[in-house]
Amino acid sequence: MPRPKLEVADIFRRYGPTWRRANAGHVSLIQLKVMSAIETCRTQALGGHVAACAKCG
């Protein structure tokens, strides 16, 4: 299955910092941690993501 052109992580990476500043004091630490985890998902920081067939590589 091909990767979608746009993912939630893409939106968070692009608009997250501005949104967090605008909502400072109204977002819980848990919510911020979840946003951060989504932002780093499938990035080089976590080793990336490679889709490959287990049988043929």
N, C-alpha and C. Protein backbone atom coordinates (compact mmCIF):
# COMPACT_ATOMS: atom_id res chain seq x y z
N MET A 1 0.85 -1.18 0.00
CA MET A 1 0.00 0.00 0.00
C MET A 1 0.89 1.24 0.00
N PRO A 2 0.71 2.13 -0.94
CA PRO A 2 1.53 3.34 -0.99
C PRO A 2 1.20 4.30 0.16
N ARG A 3 2.19 5.05 0.54
CA ARG A 3 2.01 6.03 1.62
C ARG A 3 1.11 7.17 1.12
N PRO A 4 0.17 7.61 1.96
CA PRO A 4 -0.68 8.73 1.56
C PRO A 4 0.15 9.99 1.31
N LYS A 5 -0.36 10.86 0.47
CA LYS A 5 0.36 12.10 0.17
C LYS A 5 0.46 13.01 1.39
N LEU A 6 -0.52 12.96 2.26
CA LEU A 6 -0.54 13.81 3.43
C LEU A 6 -0.95 12.99 4.64
N GLU A 7 -0.19 13.12 5.71
CA GLU A 7 -0.49 12.41 6.95
C GLU A 7 -0.62 13.42 8.08
N VAL A 8 -1.22 12.99 9.17
CA VAL A 8 -1.37 13.86 10.34
C VAL A 8 0.00 14.38 10.77
N ALA A 9 1.01 13.54 10.72
CA ALA A 9 2.36 13.95 11.11
C ALA A 9 2.85 15.12 10.26
N ASP A 10 2.53 15.11 8.99
CA ASP A 10 2.94 16.21 8.11
C ASP A 10 2.31 17.53 8.56
N ILE A 11 1.05 17.46 8.94
CA ILE A 11 0.34 18.66 9.41
C ILE A 11 0.93 19.13 10.73
N PHE A 12 1.17 18.19 11.64
CA PHE A 12 1.76 18.55 12.94
C PHE A 12 3.14 19.16 12.76
N ARG A 13 3.95 18.58 11.87
CA ARG A 13 5.30 19.12 11.67
C ARG A 13 5.25 20.53 11.10
N ARG A 14 4.29 20.78 10.23
CA ARG A 14 4.21 22.09 9.60
C ARG A 14 3.58 23.15 10.50
N TYR A 15 2.48 22.79 11.15
CA TYR A 15 1.72 23.78 11.91
C TYR A 15 1.80 23.62 13.43
N GLY A 16 2.37 22.52 13.89
CA GLY A 16 2.42 22.24 15.32
C GLY A 16 3.07 23.31 16.17
N PRO A 17 4.27 23.78 15.80
CA PRO A 17 4.91 24.79 16.64
C PRO A 17 4.06 26.06 16.81
N THR A 18 3.48 26.52 15.74
CA THR A 18 2.63 27.72 15.81
C THR A 18 1.40 27.45 16.65
N TRP A 19 0.80 26.29 16.46
CA TRP A 19 -0.40 25.93 17.22
C TRP A 19 -0.09 25.83 18.71
N ARG A 20 1.06 25.21 19.03
CA ARG A 20 1.43 25.08 20.45
C ARG A 20 1.65 26.45 21.09
N ARG A 21 2.29 27.36 20.37
CA ARG A 21 2.49 28.72 20.91
C ARG A 21 1.15 29.42 21.12
N ALA A 22 0.26 29.29 20.16
CA ALA A 22 -1.05 29.94 20.25
C ALA A 22 -1.91 29.36 21.37
N ASN A 23 -1.66 28.11 21.72
CA ASN A 23 -2.48 27.43 22.73
C ASN A 23 -1.71 27.13 24.01
N ALA A 24 -0.60 27.81 24.20
CA ALA A 24 0.22 27.59 25.40
C ALA A 24 -0.64 27.79 26.65
N GLY A 25 -0.51 26.88 27.58
CA GLY A 25 -1.28 26.95 28.81
C GLY A 25 -2.63 26.26 28.73
N HIS A 26 -3.02 25.84 27.54
CA HIS A 26 -4.31 25.19 27.36
C HIS A 26 -4.17 23.75 26.87
N VAL A 27 -2.93 23.31 26.72
CA VAL A 27 -2.66 21.96 26.22
C VAL A 27 -1.89 21.21 27.30
N SER A 28 -2.34 20.00 27.60
CA SER A 28 -1.69 19.23 28.66
C SER A 28 -0.35 18.66 28.19
N LEU A 29 0.46 18.29 29.15
CA LEU A 29 1.76 17.68 28.84
C LEU A 29 1.57 16.39 28.04
N ILE A 30 0.58 15.62 28.39
CA ILE A 30 0.30 14.38 27.66
C ILE A 30 -0.03 14.68 26.20
N GLN A 31 -0.84 15.69 25.96
CA GLN A 31 -1.20 16.06 24.59
C GLN A 31 0.04 16.50 23.81
N LEU A 32 0.91 17.25 24.46
CA LEU A 32 2.15 17.69 23.80
C LEU A 32 3.05 16.50 23.48
N LYS A 33 3.11 15.54 24.38
CA LYS A 33 3.92 14.35 24.15
C LYS A 33 3.38 13.53 22.98
N VAL A 34 2.07 13.43 22.89
CA VAL A 34 1.46 12.70 21.78
C VAL A 34 1.75 13.40 20.46
N MET A 35 1.61 14.71 20.44
CA MET A 35 1.93 15.47 19.22
C MET A 35 3.38 15.23 18.81
N SER A 36 4.27 15.28 19.78
CA SER A 36 5.69 15.08 19.50
C SER A 36 5.95 13.68 18.94
N ALA A 37 5.30 12.68 19.53
CA ALA A 37 5.48 11.31 19.05
C ALA A 37 4.97 11.16 17.62
N ILE A 38 3.85 11.78 17.31
CA ILE A 38 3.31 11.73 15.95
C ILE A 38 4.25 12.45 14.99
N GLU A 39 4.79 13.59 15.41
CA GLU A 39 5.69 14.35 14.55
C GLU A 39 6.96 13.58 14.21
N THR A 40 7.47 12.80 15.14
CA THR A 40 8.71 12.06 14.89
C THR A 40 8.48 10.69 14.27
N CYS A 41 7.24 10.27 14.18
CA CYS A 41 6.92 8.98 13.58
C CYS A 41 7.41 8.92 12.13
N ARG A 42 8.03 7.83 11.77
CA ARG A 42 8.54 7.58 10.41
C ARG A 42 9.61 8.58 9.98
N THR A 43 10.32 9.13 10.93
CA THR A 43 11.40 10.05 10.58
C THR A 43 12.74 9.37 10.83
N GLN A 44 13.79 10.00 10.37
CA GLN A 44 15.13 9.46 10.57
C GLN A 44 15.46 9.38 12.06
N ALA A 45 14.88 10.26 12.85
CA ALA A 45 15.13 10.25 14.29
C ALA A 45 14.74 8.91 14.92
N LEU A 46 13.76 8.25 14.34
CA LEU A 46 13.32 6.95 14.86
C LEU A 46 13.73 5.80 13.96
N GLY A 47 14.62 6.05 13.04
CA GLY A 47 15.09 4.99 12.16
C GLY A 47 14.38 4.91 10.83
N GLY A 48 13.45 5.81 10.59
CA GLY A 48 12.74 5.83 9.31
C GLY A 48 11.74 4.72 9.17
N HIS A 49 11.23 4.57 7.98
CA HIS A 49 10.24 3.54 7.69
C HIS A 49 10.48 3.05 6.27
N VAL A 50 10.68 1.76 6.15
CA VAL A 50 10.90 1.18 4.83
C VAL A 50 9.83 0.13 4.59
N ALA A 51 9.09 0.29 3.53
CA ALA A 51 8.09 -0.70 3.16
C ALA A 51 8.71 -1.64 2.14
N ALA A 52 8.80 -2.91 2.50
CA ALA A 52 9.40 -3.88 1.59
C ALA A 52 8.72 -5.23 1.80
N CYS A 53 8.70 -5.99 0.76
CA CYS A 53 8.14 -7.33 0.81
C CYS A 53 9.06 -8.23 1.63
N ALA A 54 8.49 -8.95 2.58
CA ALA A 54 9.29 -9.84 3.43
C ALA A 54 9.87 -11.02 2.63
N LYS A 55 9.23 -11.37 1.53
CA LYS A 55 9.69 -12.51 0.74
C LYS A 55 10.77 -12.15 -0.27
N CYS A 56 10.58 -11.02 -0.95
CA CYS A 56 11.52 -10.69 -2.03
C CYS A 56 12.40 -9.48 -1.73
N GLY A 57 12.20 -8.86 -0.57
CA GLY A 57 13.05 -7.74 -0.18
C GLY A 57 12.60 -6.49 -0.78
